[in-house]
Amino acid sequence: MTVLVVSGTGTEIGKTVVTAALAASAVAAGRSVAVLKPAQTGMEPGAPGDAAEVVRLAGPSVTAVELARYPEPLAPDTAARRAGLPTLSPEEIADAARDLSRSHDLVLVEGAGGLLVRFDEAGHTLADAARLLDAPVLVVTPPALGTLNSTTLTAEALRARGLAAPGVVIGSWPAEPDLACRCNLADLPSSSGLPLLGVVPESSGSLSPESFREAAPTWLCADLSGSWSPESFLTAWQP
């Protein structure tokens, strides 16, 4: 795949760290990588945003592009209107991703919040940009109680829009998972209809960049340039 859209079931669930792990694993496999953050919210000008964090963790060879920045931590459409700034259209996002794909083997498009968060006044979302790109959407989800519903709803929204989804990555696996987390490992694929493609440990973003890059491929399956085995992980954490 040339363009992969990284979305999630909500906010603060590990999308940026998962995006960094995807980038680091692809770089380790010899691929050139760009990360596109269409809308960065909750950041003042000059502060390092999510795209910069991906580069910090995955390495300086990764190209980072941010299209718009809004100071308040709100949905992009709301944040843009409150700041009196232009919104983003799905065409702008798709055009930027296509431009990057001409010079990179892999372009990772990291969304804001969940799949159906509004980017503009017309109600366009990341799903609309993915459709224009004909790009698959990787779903990042938390492991805890409630994730089966939110992940299944996201999967159903993707299917309803004719969008391909290669699978699910858990964005922050706790060091001491409770019963719900361990049961959800097995239940997520059957509930959502999407395979589990990786599990990123909690606090991975606090690792040194060197340690992060070394470990990242062990969190993702072979289809995502990693070495992680779902069978081994499920066996280790079965309830």
C-alpha atoms as a PDB file:
ATOM      1  CA  MET A   1       0.000   0.000   0.000  1.00  0.00           C
ATOM      2  CA  THR A   2       1.206   3.519  -0.771  1.00  0.00           C
ATOM      3  CA  VAL A   3      -1.188   5.507   1.442  1.00  0.00           C
ATOM      4  CA  LEU A   4      -2.494   4.209   4.766  1.00  0.00           C
ATOM      5  CA  VAL A   5      -4.990   6.242   6.774  1.00  0.00           C
ATOM      6  CA  VAL A   6      -4.657   5.864  10.546  1.00  0.00           C
ATOM      7  CA  SER A   7      -7.888   6.539  12.367  1.00  0.00           C
ATOM      8  CA  GLY A   8      -9.291   5.497  15.700  1.00  0.00           C
ATOM      9  CA  THR A   9     -12.313   4.967  17.858  1.00  0.00           C
ATOM     10  CA  GLY A  10     -11.751   8.222  19.730  1.00  0.00           C
ATOM     11  CA  THR A  11      -9.136  10.627  20.984  1.00  0.00           C
ATOM     12  CA  GLU A  12      -6.134  10.026  23.264  1.00  0.00           C
ATOM     13  CA  ILE A  13      -5.984   6.312  22.463  1.00  0.00           C
ATOM     14  CA  GLY A  14      -2.496   6.106  20.980  1.00  0.00           C
ATOM     15  CA  LYS A  15      -2.904   7.010  17.285  1.00  0.00           C
ATOM     16  CA  THR A  16       0.268   9.091  17.157  1.00  0.00           C
ATOM     17  CA  VAL A  17       2.415   6.442  18.828  1.00  0.00           C
ATOM     18  CA  VAL A  18       0.941   3.764  16.553  1.00  0.00           C
ATOM     19  CA  THR A  19       1.664   5.985  13.553  1.00  0.00           C
ATOM     20  CA  ALA A  20       5.245   6.366  14.769  1.00  0.00           C
ATOM     21  CA  ALA A  21       5.551   2.589  15.196  1.00  0.00           C
ATOM     22  CA  LEU A  22       4.256   2.065  11.653  1.00  0.00           C
ATOM     23  CA  ALA A  23       6.768   4.599  10.342  1.00  0.00           C
ATOM     24  CA  ALA A  24       9.688   3.144  12.304  1.00  0.00           C
ATOM     25  CA  SER A  25       8.887  -0.396  11.171  1.00  0.00           C
ATOM     26  CA  ALA A  26       8.601   0.658   7.546  1.00  0.00           C
ATOM     27  CA  VAL A  27      11.885   2.567   7.706  1.00  0.00           C
ATOM     28  CA  ALA A  28      13.570  -0.463   9.264  1.00  0.00           C
ATOM     29  CA  ALA A  29      12.260  -2.497   6.321  1.00  0.00           C
ATOM     30  CA  GLY A  30      13.962  -0.079   3.925  1.00  0.00           C
ATOM     31  CA  ARG A  31      10.951   2.003   2.887  1.00  0.00           C
ATOM     32  CA  SER A  32      10.786   5.788   2.601  1.00  0.00           C
ATOM     33  CA  VAL A  33       7.996   7.197   4.765  1.00  0.00           C
ATOM     34  CA  ALA A  34       6.001  10.415   5.064  1.00  0.00           C
ATOM     35  CA  VAL A  35       3.446  11.265   7.720  1.00  0.00           C
ATOM     36  CA  LEU A  36       0.624  13.674   6.957  1.00  0.00           C
ATOM     37  CA  LYS A  37      -1.320  15.312   9.790  1.00  0.00           C
ATOM     38  CA  PRO A  38      -4.194  17.148   8.103  1.00  0.00           C
ATOM     39  CA  ALA A  39      -5.417  19.044  11.158  1.00  0.00           C
ATOM     40  CA  GLN A  40      -3.528  19.573  14.409  1.00  0.00           C
ATOM     41  CA  THR A  41      -5.751  20.919  17.160  1.00  0.00           C
ATOM     42  CA  GLY A  42      -4.916  22.087  20.660  1.00  0.00           C
ATOM     43  CA  MET A  43      -1.513  23.466  19.661  1.00  0.00           C
ATOM     44  CA  GLU A  44      -0.221  27.007  19.363  1.00  0.00           C
ATOM     45  CA  PRO A  45       1.983  27.951  16.402  1.00  0.00           C
ATOM     46  CA  GLY A  46       5.555  26.753  16.802  1.00  0.00           C
ATOM     47  CA  ALA A  47       4.826  23.978  19.309  1.00  0.00           C
ATOM     48  CA  PRO A  48       5.762  20.467  18.141  1.00  0.00           C
ATOM     49  CA  GLY A  49       2.635  18.610  17.063  1.00  0.00           C
ATOM     50  CA  ASP A  50       1.806  14.990  16.353  1.00  0.00           C
ATOM     51  CA  ALA A  51       3.713  14.860  13.056  1.00  0.00           C
ATOM     52  CA  ALA A  52       6.847  16.148  14.795  1.00  0.00           C
ATOM     53  CA  GLU A  53       6.391  13.507  17.498  1.00  0.00           C
ATOM     54  CA  VAL A  54       6.298  10.789  14.854  1.00  0.00           C
ATOM     55  CA  VAL A  55       9.582  12.059  13.426  1.00  0.00           C
ATOM     56  CA  ARG A  56      11.149  12.250  16.904  1.00  0.00           C
ATOM     57  CA  LEU A  57      10.268   8.626  17.606  1.00  0.00           C
ATOM     58  CA  ALA A  58      10.598   7.070  14.147  1.00  0.00           C
ATOM     59  CA  GLY A  59      13.650   8.971  12.942  1.00  0.00           C
ATOM     60  CA  PRO A  60      14.699  12.050  10.973  1.00  0.00           C
ATOM     61  CA  SER A  61      14.371  10.271   7.625  1.00  0.00           C
ATOM     62  CA  VAL A  62      10.579  10.471   7.982  1.00  0.00           C
ATOM     63  CA  THR A  63       8.992  13.427   6.191  1.00  0.00           C
ATOM     64  CA  ALA A  64       6.380  15.289   8.250  1.00  0.00           C
ATOM     65  CA  VAL A  65       3.654  17.532   6.810  1.00  0.00           C
ATOM     66  CA  GLU A  66       0.912  19.371   8.712  1.00  0.00           C
ATOM     67  CA  LEU A  67      -1.795  21.124   6.704  1.00  0.00           C
ATOM     68  CA  ALA A  68      -3.643  23.166   9.338  1.00  0.00           C
ATOM     69  CA  ARG A  69      -3.283  24.033  13.014  1.00  0.00           C
ATOM     70  CA  TYR A  70      -5.932  25.286  15.399  1.00  0.00           C
ATOM     71  CA  PRO A  71      -5.174  26.407  18.988  1.00  0.00           C
ATOM     72  CA  GLU A  72      -8.138  24.905  20.846  1.00  0.00           C
ATOM     73  CA  PRO A  73      -8.370  21.127  21.511  1.00  0.00           C
ATOM     74  CA  LEU A  74     -11.639  20.638  19.641  1.00  0.00           C
ATOM     75  CA  ALA A  75     -12.876  18.908  16.494  1.00  0.00           C
ATOM     76  CA  PRO A  76     -11.148  20.525  13.477  1.00  0.00           C
ATOM     77  CA  ASP A  77     -14.331  22.134  12.128  1.00  0.00           C
ATOM     78  CA  THR A  78     -15.242  23.631  15.507  1.00  0.00           C
ATOM     79  CA  ALA A  79     -11.679  24.710  16.270  1.00  0.00           C
ATOM     80  CA  ALA A  80     -11.336  26.392  12.872  1.00  0.00           C
ATOM     81  CA  ARG A  81     -14.595  28.311  13.208  1.00  0.00           C
ATOM     82  CA  ARG A  82     -13.765  29.496  16.713  1.00  0.00           C
ATOM     83  CA  ALA A  83     -10.323  30.658  15.617  1.00  0.00           C
ATOM     84  CA  GLY A  84     -11.606  32.319  12.454  1.00  0.00           C
ATOM     85  CA  LEU A  85      -9.348  30.103  10.348  1.00  0.00           C
ATOM     86  CA  PRO A  86     -10.039  28.192   7.115  1.00  0.00           C
ATOM     87  CA  THR A  87     -11.262  24.620   7.374  1.00  0.00           C
ATOM     88  CA  LEU A  88      -9.831  21.692   5.427  1.00  0.00           C
ATOM     89  CA  SER A  89     -11.617  19.917   2.602  1.00  0.00           C
ATOM     90  CA  PRO A  90     -11.149  16.208   1.855  1.00  0.00           C
ATOM     91  CA  GLU A  91      -9.778  17.197  -1.553  1.00  0.00           C
ATOM     92  CA  GLU A  92      -6.968  19.185   0.097  1.00  0.00           C
ATOM     93  CA  ILE A  93      -6.081  16.229   2.293  1.00  0.00           C
ATOM     94  CA  ALA A  94      -6.162  13.791  -0.614  1.00  0.00           C
ATOM     95  CA  ASP A  95      -4.076  16.087  -2.841  1.00  0.00           C
ATOM     96  CA  ALA A  96      -1.409  16.447  -0.138  1.00  0.00           C
ATOM     97  CA  ALA A  97      -1.254  12.681   0.370  1.00  0.00           C
ATOM     98  CA  ARG A  98      -0.967  12.065  -3.372  1.00  0.00           C
ATOM     99  CA  ASP A  99       1.880  14.593  -3.637  1.00  0.00           C
ATOM    100  CA  LEU A 100       3.785  12.814  -0.860  1.00  0.00           C
ATOM    101  CA  SER A 101       3.150   9.395  -2.411  1.00  0.00           C
ATOM    102  CA  ARG A 102       5.040  10.446  -5.528  1.00  0.00           C
ATOM    103  CA  SER A 103       8.295  10.597  -3.560  1.00  0.00           C
ATOM    104  CA  HIS A 104       7.711   8.122  -0.710  1.00  0.00           C
ATOM    105  CA  ASP A 105       7.011   4.406  -0.520  1.00  0.00           C
ATOM    106  CA  LEU A 106       4.492   4.865   2.291  1.00  0.00           C
ATOM    107  CA  VAL A 107       2.341   7.832   3.331  1.00  0.00           C
ATOM    108  CA  LEU A 108       0.658   7.644   6.737  1.00  0.00           C
ATOM    109  CA  VAL A 109      -2.317   9.988   7.141  1.00  0.00           C
ATOM    110  CA  GLU A 110      -3.095  10.440  10.835  1.00  0.00           C
ATOM    111  CA  GLY A 111      -6.607  11.637  11.596  1.00  0.00           C
ATOM    112  CA  ALA A 112      -7.889  13.742  14.473  1.00  0.00           C
ATOM    113  CA  GLY A 113     -10.039  11.944  17.016  1.00  0.00           C
ATOM    114  CA  GLY A 114     -12.329   9.314  15.498  1.00  0.00           C
ATOM    115  CA  LEU A 115     -13.219   8.463  11.925  1.00  0.00           C
ATOM    116  CA  LEU A 116     -16.276  10.714  11.634  1.00  0.00           C
ATOM    117  CA  VAL A 117     -14.971  13.889  13.266  1.00  0.00           C
ATOM    118  CA  ARG A 118     -15.928  16.861  11.072  1.00  0.00           C
ATOM    119  CA  PHE A 119     -13.203  18.706   9.169  1.00  0.00           C
ATOM    120  CA  ASP A 120     -15.349  21.413   7.565  1.00  0.00           C
ATOM    121  CA  GLU A 121     -18.717  23.125   7.531  1.00  0.00           C
ATOM    122  CA  ALA A 122     -20.128  20.599   5.067  1.00  0.00           C
ATOM    123  CA  GLY A 123     -19.521  17.757   7.494  1.00  0.00           C
ATOM    124  CA  HIS A 124     -16.723  16.072   5.566  1.00  0.00           C
ATOM    125  CA  THR A 125     -14.593  13.642   7.549  1.00  0.00           C
ATOM    126  CA  LEU A 126     -11.413  11.616   7.282  1.00  0.00           C
ATOM    127  CA  ALA A 127     -13.509   8.889   5.674  1.00  0.00           C
ATOM    128  CA  ASP A 128     -14.199  11.204   2.731  1.00  0.00           C
ATOM    129  CA  ALA A 129     -10.473  11.801   2.221  1.00  0.00           C
ATOM    130  CA  ALA A 130      -9.809   8.049   2.419  1.00  0.00           C
ATOM    131  CA  ARG A 131     -12.456   7.440  -0.233  1.00  0.00           C
ATOM    132  CA  LEU A 132     -10.894  10.007  -2.574  1.00  0.00           C
ATOM    133  CA  LEU A 133      -7.537   8.308  -2.084  1.00  0.00           C
ATOM    134  CA  ASP A 134      -8.993   4.792  -2.317  1.00  0.00           C
ATOM    135  CA  ALA A 135      -6.807   4.157   0.742  1.00  0.00           C
ATOM    136  CA  PRO A 136      -7.263   1.544   3.475  1.00  0.00           C
ATOM    137  CA  VAL A 137      -8.013   2.730   7.011  1.00  0.00           C
ATOM    138  CA  LEU A 138      -6.212   1.184   9.969  1.00  0.00           C
ATOM    139  CA  VAL A 139      -8.262   1.364  13.166  1.00  0.00           C
ATOM    140  CA  VAL A 140      -6.510   2.182  16.446  1.00  0.00           C
ATOM    141  CA  THR A 141      -8.445   1.271  19.544  1.00  0.00           C
ATOM    142  CA  PRO A 142      -7.958   0.984  23.320  1.00  0.00           C
ATOM    143  CA  PRO A 143      -8.122  -2.458  24.960  1.00  0.00           C
ATOM    144  CA  ALA A 144     -10.362  -1.688  27.917  1.00  0.00           C
ATOM    145  CA  LEU A 145     -14.051  -2.150  28.656  1.00  0.00           C
ATOM    146  CA  GLY A 146     -16.214  -0.434  26.002  1.00  0.00           C
ATOM    147  CA  THR A 147     -13.837  -0.981  23.116  1.00  0.00           C
ATOM    148  CA  LEU A 148     -15.897  -3.738  21.500  1.00  0.00           C
ATOM    149  CA  ASN A 149     -18.772  -1.354  20.855  1.00  0.00           C
ATOM    150  CA  SER A 150     -16.695   1.589  19.618  1.00  0.00           C
ATOM    151  CA  THR A 151     -14.462  -0.579  17.430  1.00  0.00           C
ATOM    152  CA  THR A 152     -17.409  -2.412  15.900  1.00  0.00           C
ATOM    153  CA  LEU A 153     -19.197   0.869  15.192  1.00  0.00           C
ATOM    154  CA  THR A 154     -16.078   2.221  13.463  1.00  0.00           C
ATOM    155  CA  ALA A 155     -15.752  -0.964  11.404  1.00  0.00           C
ATOM    156  CA  GLU A 156     -19.415  -0.746  10.392  1.00  0.00           C
ATOM    157  CA  ALA A 157     -18.976   2.906   9.392  1.00  0.00           C
ATOM    158  CA  LEU A 158     -16.036   1.954   7.179  1.00  0.00           C
ATOM    159  CA  ARG A 159     -17.933  -0.864   5.512  1.00  0.00           C
ATOM    160  CA  ALA A 160     -20.981   1.357   4.972  1.00  0.00           C
ATOM    161  CA  ARG A 161     -18.761   3.792   3.062  1.00  0.00           C
ATOM    162  CA  GLY A 162     -17.090   1.107   0.988  1.00  0.00           C
ATOM    163  CA  LEU A 163     -13.715   1.652   2.666  1.00  0.00           C
ATOM    164  CA  ALA A 164     -11.191  -1.117   3.182  1.00  0.00           C
ATOM    165  CA  ALA A 165      -9.809  -1.712   6.661  1.00  0.00           C
ATOM    166  CA  PRO A 166      -6.812  -4.044   7.023  1.00  0.00           C
ATOM    167  CA  GLY A 167      -7.407  -4.468  10.752  1.00  0.00           C
ATOM    168  CA  VAL A 168      -7.071  -3.138  14.269  1.00  0.00           C
ATOM    169  CA  VAL A 169      -4.073  -2.122  16.369  1.00  0.00           C
ATOM    170  CA  ILE A 170      -4.384  -1.679  20.124  1.00  0.00           C
ATOM    171  CA  GLY A 171      -2.836   1.675  20.908  1.00  0.00           C
ATOM    172  CA  SER A 172      -1.872   1.271  24.560  1.00  0.00           C
ATOM    173  CA  TRP A 173      -1.663  -2.184  26.131  1.00  0.00           C
ATOM    174  CA  PRO A 174      -1.313  -1.960  29.933  1.00  0.00           C
ATOM    175  CA  ALA A 175       1.518  -3.630  31.830  1.00  0.00           C
ATOM    176  CA  GLU A 176      -1.065  -5.327  34.030  1.00  0.00           C
ATOM    177  CA  PRO A 177      -4.166  -5.864  31.864  1.00  0.00           C
ATOM    178  CA  ASP A 178      -7.424  -6.581  33.646  1.00  0.00           C
ATOM    179  CA  LEU A 179      -9.895  -9.296  32.689  1.00  0.00           C
ATOM    180  CA  ALA A 180     -11.743  -7.056  30.206  1.00  0.00           C
ATOM    181  CA  CYS A 181      -8.527  -6.211  28.349  1.00  0.00           C
ATOM    182  CA  ARG A 182      -7.511  -9.857  28.097  1.00  0.00           C
ATOM    183  CA  CYS A 183     -10.947 -10.986  26.929  1.00  0.00           C
ATOM    184  CA  ASN A 184     -11.106  -8.160  24.389  1.00  0.00           C
ATOM    185  CA  LEU A 185      -7.998  -9.473  22.636  1.00  0.00           C
ATOM    186  CA  ALA A 186      -9.971 -12.460  21.432  1.00  0.00           C
ATOM    187  CA  ASP A 187     -13.325 -10.691  21.133  1.00  0.00           C
ATOM    188  CA  LEU A 188     -12.260  -7.668  19.066  1.00  0.00           C
ATOM    189  CA  PRO A 189     -11.823  -9.589  15.775  1.00  0.00           C
ATOM    190  CA  SER A 190     -15.090 -11.496  16.140  1.00  0.00           C
ATOM    191  CA  SER A 191     -17.033  -8.370  17.158  1.00  0.00           C
ATOM    192  CA  SER A 192     -15.610  -5.947  14.594  1.00  0.00           C
ATOM    193  CA  GLY A 193     -14.897  -8.381  11.782  1.00  0.00           C
ATOM    194  CA  LEU A 194     -11.339  -6.994  11.591  1.00  0.00           C
ATOM    195  CA  PRO A 195      -8.158  -8.904  12.436  1.00  0.00           C
ATOM    196  CA  LEU A 196      -5.851  -7.810  15.228  1.00  0.00           C
ATOM    197  CA  LEU A 197      -2.648  -6.561  13.572  1.00  0.00           C
ATOM    198  CA  GLY A 198      -0.639  -5.272  16.523  1.00  0.00           C
ATOM    199  CA  VAL A 199      -0.452  -4.256  20.144  1.00  0.00           C
ATOM    200  CA  VAL A 200       1.602  -1.263  21.291  1.00  0.00           C
ATOM    201  CA  PRO A 201       2.557  -1.263  25.002  1.00  0.00           C
ATOM    202  CA  GLU A 202       1.453   1.672  27.133  1.00  0.00           C
ATOM    203  CA  SER A 203       4.016   4.457  27.645  1.00  0.00           C
ATOM    204  CA  SER A 204       5.898   3.439  24.488  1.00  0.00           C
ATOM    205  CA  GLY A 205       6.052   7.098  23.514  1.00  0.00           C
ATOM    206  CA  SER A 206       8.230   7.777  26.559  1.00  0.00           C
ATOM    207  CA  LEU A 207      10.948   5.413  25.341  1.00  0.00           C
ATOM    208  CA  SER A 208      14.120   6.901  23.924  1.00  0.00           C
ATOM    209  CA  PRO A 209      13.897   7.212  20.143  1.00  0.00           C
ATOM    210  CA  GLU A 210      16.553   4.526  19.747  1.00  0.00           C
ATOM    211  CA  SER A 211      14.686   2.069  21.966  1.00  0.00           C
ATOM    212  CA  PHE A 212      11.397   2.908  20.276  1.00  0.00           C
ATOM    213  CA  ARG A 213      12.768   2.213  16.797  1.00  0.00           C
ATOM    214  CA  GLU A 214      14.297  -1.069  17.912  1.00  0.00           C
ATOM    215  CA  ALA A 215      11.098  -2.283  19.566  1.00  0.00           C
ATOM    216  CA  ALA A 216       8.479  -0.978  17.108  1.00  0.00           C
ATOM    217  CA  PRO A 217       8.586  -3.935  14.671  1.00  0.00           C
ATOM    218  CA  THR A 218       7.882  -6.343  17.545  1.00  0.00           C
ATOM    219  CA  TRP A 219       4.526  -4.616  18.141  1.00  0.00           C
ATOM    220  CA  LEU A 220       3.171  -4.992  14.586  1.00  0.00           C
ATOM    221  CA  CYS A 221       2.410  -7.967  12.358  1.00  0.00           C
ATOM    222  CA  ALA A 222       4.222  -8.853   9.142  1.00  0.00           C
ATOM    223  CA  ASP A 223       1.655  -7.026   6.973  1.00  0.00           C
ATOM    224  CA  LEU A 224       2.716  -3.829   8.771  1.00  0.00           C
ATOM    225  CA  SER A 225       6.463  -4.518   8.376  1.00  0.00           C
ATOM    226  CA  GLY A 226       6.753  -6.094  11.817  1.00  0.00           C
ATOM    227  CA  SER A 227       7.330  -9.458  13.480  1.00  0.00           C
ATOM    228  CA  TRP A 228       4.509  -9.524  16.052  1.00  0.00           C
ATOM    229  CA  SER A 229       2.508 -12.746  16.250  1.00  0.00           C
ATOM    230  CA  PRO A 230      -1.170 -12.508  17.203  1.00  0.00           C
ATOM    231  CA  GLU A 231      -1.276 -16.196  18.096  1.00  0.00           C
ATOM    232  CA  SER A 232       1.625 -15.940  20.540  1.00  0.00           C
ATOM    233  CA  PHE A 233       0.259 -12.778  22.116  1.00  0.00           C
ATOM    234  CA  LEU A 234      -3.235 -14.201  22.553  1.00  0.00           C
ATOM    235  CA  THR A 235      -1.810 -17.344  24.126  1.00  0.00           C
ATOM    236  CA  ALA A 236       0.292 -15.324  26.549  1.00  0.00           C
ATOM    237  CA  TRP A 237      -2.661 -13.207  27.725  1.00  0.00           C
ATOM    238  CA  GLN A 238      -5.615 -15.555  27.458  1.00  0.00           C
ATOM    239  CA  PRO A 239      -7.951 -15.199  30.469  1.00  0.00           C
END
